[in-house]
C-alpha atoms as a PDB file:
ATOM      1  CA  MET A   1      85.637 108.827  62.522  1.00  0.00           C
ATOM      2  CA  ALA A   2      84.792 107.280  65.892  1.00  0.00           C
ATOM      3  CA  LYS A   3      81.242 107.286  67.136  1.00  0.00           C
ATOM      4  CA  THR A   4      80.559 109.877  69.784  1.00  0.00           C
ATOM      5  CA  ALA A   5      77.896 110.104  72.464  1.00  0.00           C
ATOM      6  CA  PRO A   6      76.756 113.149  74.419  1.00  0.00           C
ATOM      7  CA  VAL A   7      77.457 113.491  78.145  1.00  0.00           C
ATOM      8  CA  TYR A   8      75.177 115.762  80.144  1.00  0.00           C
ATOM      9  CA  ALA A   9      75.933 117.058  83.620  1.00  0.00           C
ATOM     10  CA  ARG A  10      74.399 119.785  85.735  1.00  0.00           C
ATOM     11  CA  ILE A  11      76.956 121.696  87.808  1.00  0.00           C
ATOM     12  CA  ASP A  12      77.114 124.967  89.686  1.00  0.00           C
ATOM     13  CA  THR A  13      77.324 127.940  87.311  1.00  0.00           C
ATOM     14  CA  ASN A  14      80.282 129.531  89.102  1.00  0.00           C
ATOM     15  CA  LEU A  15      82.205 126.260  89.140  1.00  0.00           C
ATOM     16  CA  LYS A  16      81.560 125.820  85.415  1.00  0.00           C
ATOM     17  CA  GLU A  17      82.661 129.353  84.561  1.00  0.00           C
ATOM     18  CA  ASN A  18      85.788 129.183  86.721  1.00  0.00           C
ATOM     19  CA  ALA A  19      86.810 125.812  85.328  1.00  0.00           C
ATOM     20  CA  GLU A  20      86.156 126.842  81.725  1.00  0.00           C
ATOM     21  CA  GLY A  21      88.207 130.010  82.251  1.00  0.00           C
ATOM     22  CA  ILE A  22      91.162 127.926  83.381  1.00  0.00           C
ATOM     23  CA  LEU A  23      90.654 125.432  80.554  1.00  0.00           C
ATOM     24  CA  ALA A  24      90.606 128.296  78.035  1.00  0.00           C
ATOM     25  CA  GLN A  25      93.937 129.540  79.372  1.00  0.00           C
ATOM     26  CA  LEU A  26      95.297 126.028  78.881  1.00  0.00           C
ATOM     27  CA  GLY A  27      93.876 125.845  75.366  1.00  0.00           C
ATOM     28  CA  ILE A  28      91.587 122.944  76.277  1.00  0.00           C
ATOM     29  CA  SER A  29      87.881 122.836  75.470  1.00  0.00           C
ATOM     30  CA  PRO A  30      85.399 121.492  78.018  1.00  0.00           C
ATOM     31  CA  SER A  31      84.758 118.503  75.743  1.00  0.00           C
ATOM     32  CA  GLU A  32      88.479 117.752  75.541  1.00  0.00           C
ATOM     33  CA  ALA A  33      88.771 118.011  79.339  1.00  0.00           C
ATOM     34  CA  ILE A  34      85.934 115.519  79.795  1.00  0.00           C
ATOM     35  CA  LYS A  35      87.552 113.150  77.256  1.00  0.00           C
ATOM     36  CA  MET A  36      90.831 113.461  79.187  1.00  0.00           C
ATOM     37  CA  LEU A  37      89.057 112.643  82.468  1.00  0.00           C
ATOM     38  CA  TYR A  38      87.273 109.641  80.957  1.00  0.00           C
ATOM     39  CA  SER A  39      90.534 108.399  79.379  1.00  0.00           C
ATOM     40  CA  GLN A  40      92.263 108.536  82.763  1.00  0.00           C
ATOM     41  CA  ILE A  41      89.345 106.718  84.431  1.00  0.00           C
ATOM     42  CA  VAL A  42      89.741 103.892  81.891  1.00  0.00           C
ATOM     43  CA  LEU A  43      93.544 103.895  82.167  1.00  0.00           C
ATOM     44  CA  VAL A  44      93.684 103.682  85.983  1.00  0.00           C
ATOM     45  CA  ARG A  45      90.436 101.715  86.259  1.00  0.00           C
ATOM     46  CA  GLY A  46      89.005 104.236  88.713  1.00  0.00           C
ATOM     47  CA  MET A  47      89.055 107.902  89.544  1.00  0.00           C
ATOM     48  CA  PRO A  48      92.411 109.489  88.632  1.00  0.00           C
ATOM     49  CA  PHE A  49      92.596 111.188  92.034  1.00  0.00           C
ATOM     50  CA  GLN A  50      91.922 110.248  95.627  1.00  0.00           C
ATOM     51  CA  SER A  51      88.362 110.595  96.755  1.00  0.00           C
ATOM     52  CA  LYS A  52      88.277 110.697 100.532  1.00  0.00           C
ATOM     53  CA  LEU A  53      86.956 112.726 103.406  1.00  0.00           C
ATOM     54  CA  PRO A  54      89.221 115.611 104.427  1.00  0.00           C
ATOM     55  CA  GLU A  55      91.305 115.378 107.574  1.00  0.00           C
ATOM     56  CA  ILE A  56      89.805 117.097 110.589  1.00  0.00           C
ATOM     57  CA  ASN A  57      90.850 120.735 110.525  1.00  0.00           C
ATOM     58  CA  HIS A  58      91.646 121.797 114.069  1.00  0.00           C
ATOM     59  CA  PHE A  59      91.438 125.412 112.940  1.00  0.00           C
ATOM     60  CA  SER A  60      87.688 124.910 112.885  1.00  0.00           C
ATOM     61  CA  ALA A  61      85.283 123.996 115.652  1.00  0.00           C
ATOM     62  CA  GLN A  62      84.603 120.624 114.039  1.00  0.00           C
ATOM     63  CA  GLY A  63      86.081 117.654 115.838  1.00  0.00           C
ATOM     64  CA  ILE A  64      86.820 119.330 119.173  1.00  0.00           C
ATOM     65  CA  THR A  65      84.851 119.432 122.375  1.00  0.00           C
ATOM     66  CA  GLN A  66      83.318 122.581 123.819  1.00  0.00           C
ATOM     67  CA  ALA A  67      85.983 122.557 126.565  1.00  0.00           C
ATOM     68  CA  GLU A  68      88.789 122.361 123.967  1.00  0.00           C
ATOM     69  CA  PHE A  69      87.167 125.163 121.961  1.00  0.00           C
ATOM     70  CA  ASP A  70      86.844 127.347 125.085  1.00  0.00           C
ATOM     71  CA  ALA A  71      90.500 126.660 125.969  1.00  0.00           C
ATOM     72  CA  GLU A  72      91.621 127.744 122.486  1.00  0.00           C
ATOM     73  CA  LEU A  73      89.583 130.938 122.772  1.00  0.00           C
ATOM     74  CA  GLN A  74      91.099 131.618 126.178  1.00  0.00           C
ATOM     75  CA  LYS A  75      94.605 131.258 124.700  1.00  0.00           C
ATOM     76  CA  GLY A  76      93.721 134.021 122.240  1.00  0.00           C
ATOM     77  CA  VAL A  77      92.339 136.275 124.968  1.00  0.00           C
ATOM     78  CA  ASP A  78      95.457 135.677 127.098  1.00  0.00           C
ATOM     79  CA  SER A  79      97.729 136.501 124.152  1.00  0.00           C
ATOM     80  CA  ILE A  80      95.953 139.800 123.533  1.00  0.00           C
ATOM     81  CA  GLN A  81      96.032 140.717 127.219  1.00  0.00           C
ATOM     82  CA  ASN A  82      99.778 139.975 127.346  1.00  0.00           C
ATOM     83  CA  GLY A  83     100.496 142.024 124.217  1.00  0.00           C
ATOM     84  CA  ARG A  84     101.392 139.012 122.069  1.00  0.00           C
ATOM     85  CA  THR A  85      99.788 140.090 118.795  1.00  0.00           C
ATOM     86  CA  HIS A  86     100.741 140.080 115.103  1.00  0.00           C
ATOM     87  CA  SER A  87     100.203 142.639 112.367  1.00  0.00           C
ATOM     88  CA  VAL A  88      98.083 141.811 109.336  1.00  0.00           C
ATOM     89  CA  GLU A  89     101.264 141.684 107.259  1.00  0.00           C
ATOM     90  CA  ASP A  90     102.849 139.187 109.668  1.00  0.00           C
ATOM     91  CA  VAL A  91      99.761 136.969 109.580  1.00  0.00           C
ATOM     92  CA  ASP A  92      99.680 137.085 105.756  1.00  0.00           C
ATOM     93  CA  ARG A  93     103.358 136.129 105.635  1.00  0.00           C
ATOM     94  CA  MET A  94     102.924 133.263 108.130  1.00  0.00           C
ATOM     95  CA  LEU A  95      99.906 131.871 106.244  1.00  0.00           C
ATOM     96  CA  ALA A  96     101.802 132.072 102.960  1.00  0.00           C
ATOM     97  CA  GLU A  97     104.798 130.246 104.446  1.00  0.00           C
ATOM     98  CA  GLU A  98     102.795 127.518 106.165  1.00  0.00           C
ATOM     99  CA  PHE A  99      99.881 126.973 103.801  1.00  0.00           C
ATOM    100  CA  GLY A 100     100.885 128.635 100.523  1.00  0.00           C
ATOM    101  CA  ILE A 101      97.997 131.087 100.619  1.00  0.00           C
END
């Protein structure tokens, strides 16, 4: 039998519980998942996924000037005043189509 060594990590409780729930559905123990991650790190000689900063999300106020933000808000006000609105169902459908949520 191969020698084994413990790995200790402190992570957010909710993250741990959510991840372990998914692993259980897959039939994978947390130890097996960690072994799989470590095996992939060795195989690809690095992290087995991209680790980079997210693209700027223009749906947030980050990355835009105050003038751009004000202009976007004004577009929304103008749409409401001109009766160009969408139902909750329409918005849900559009988000699902565009972003898969």
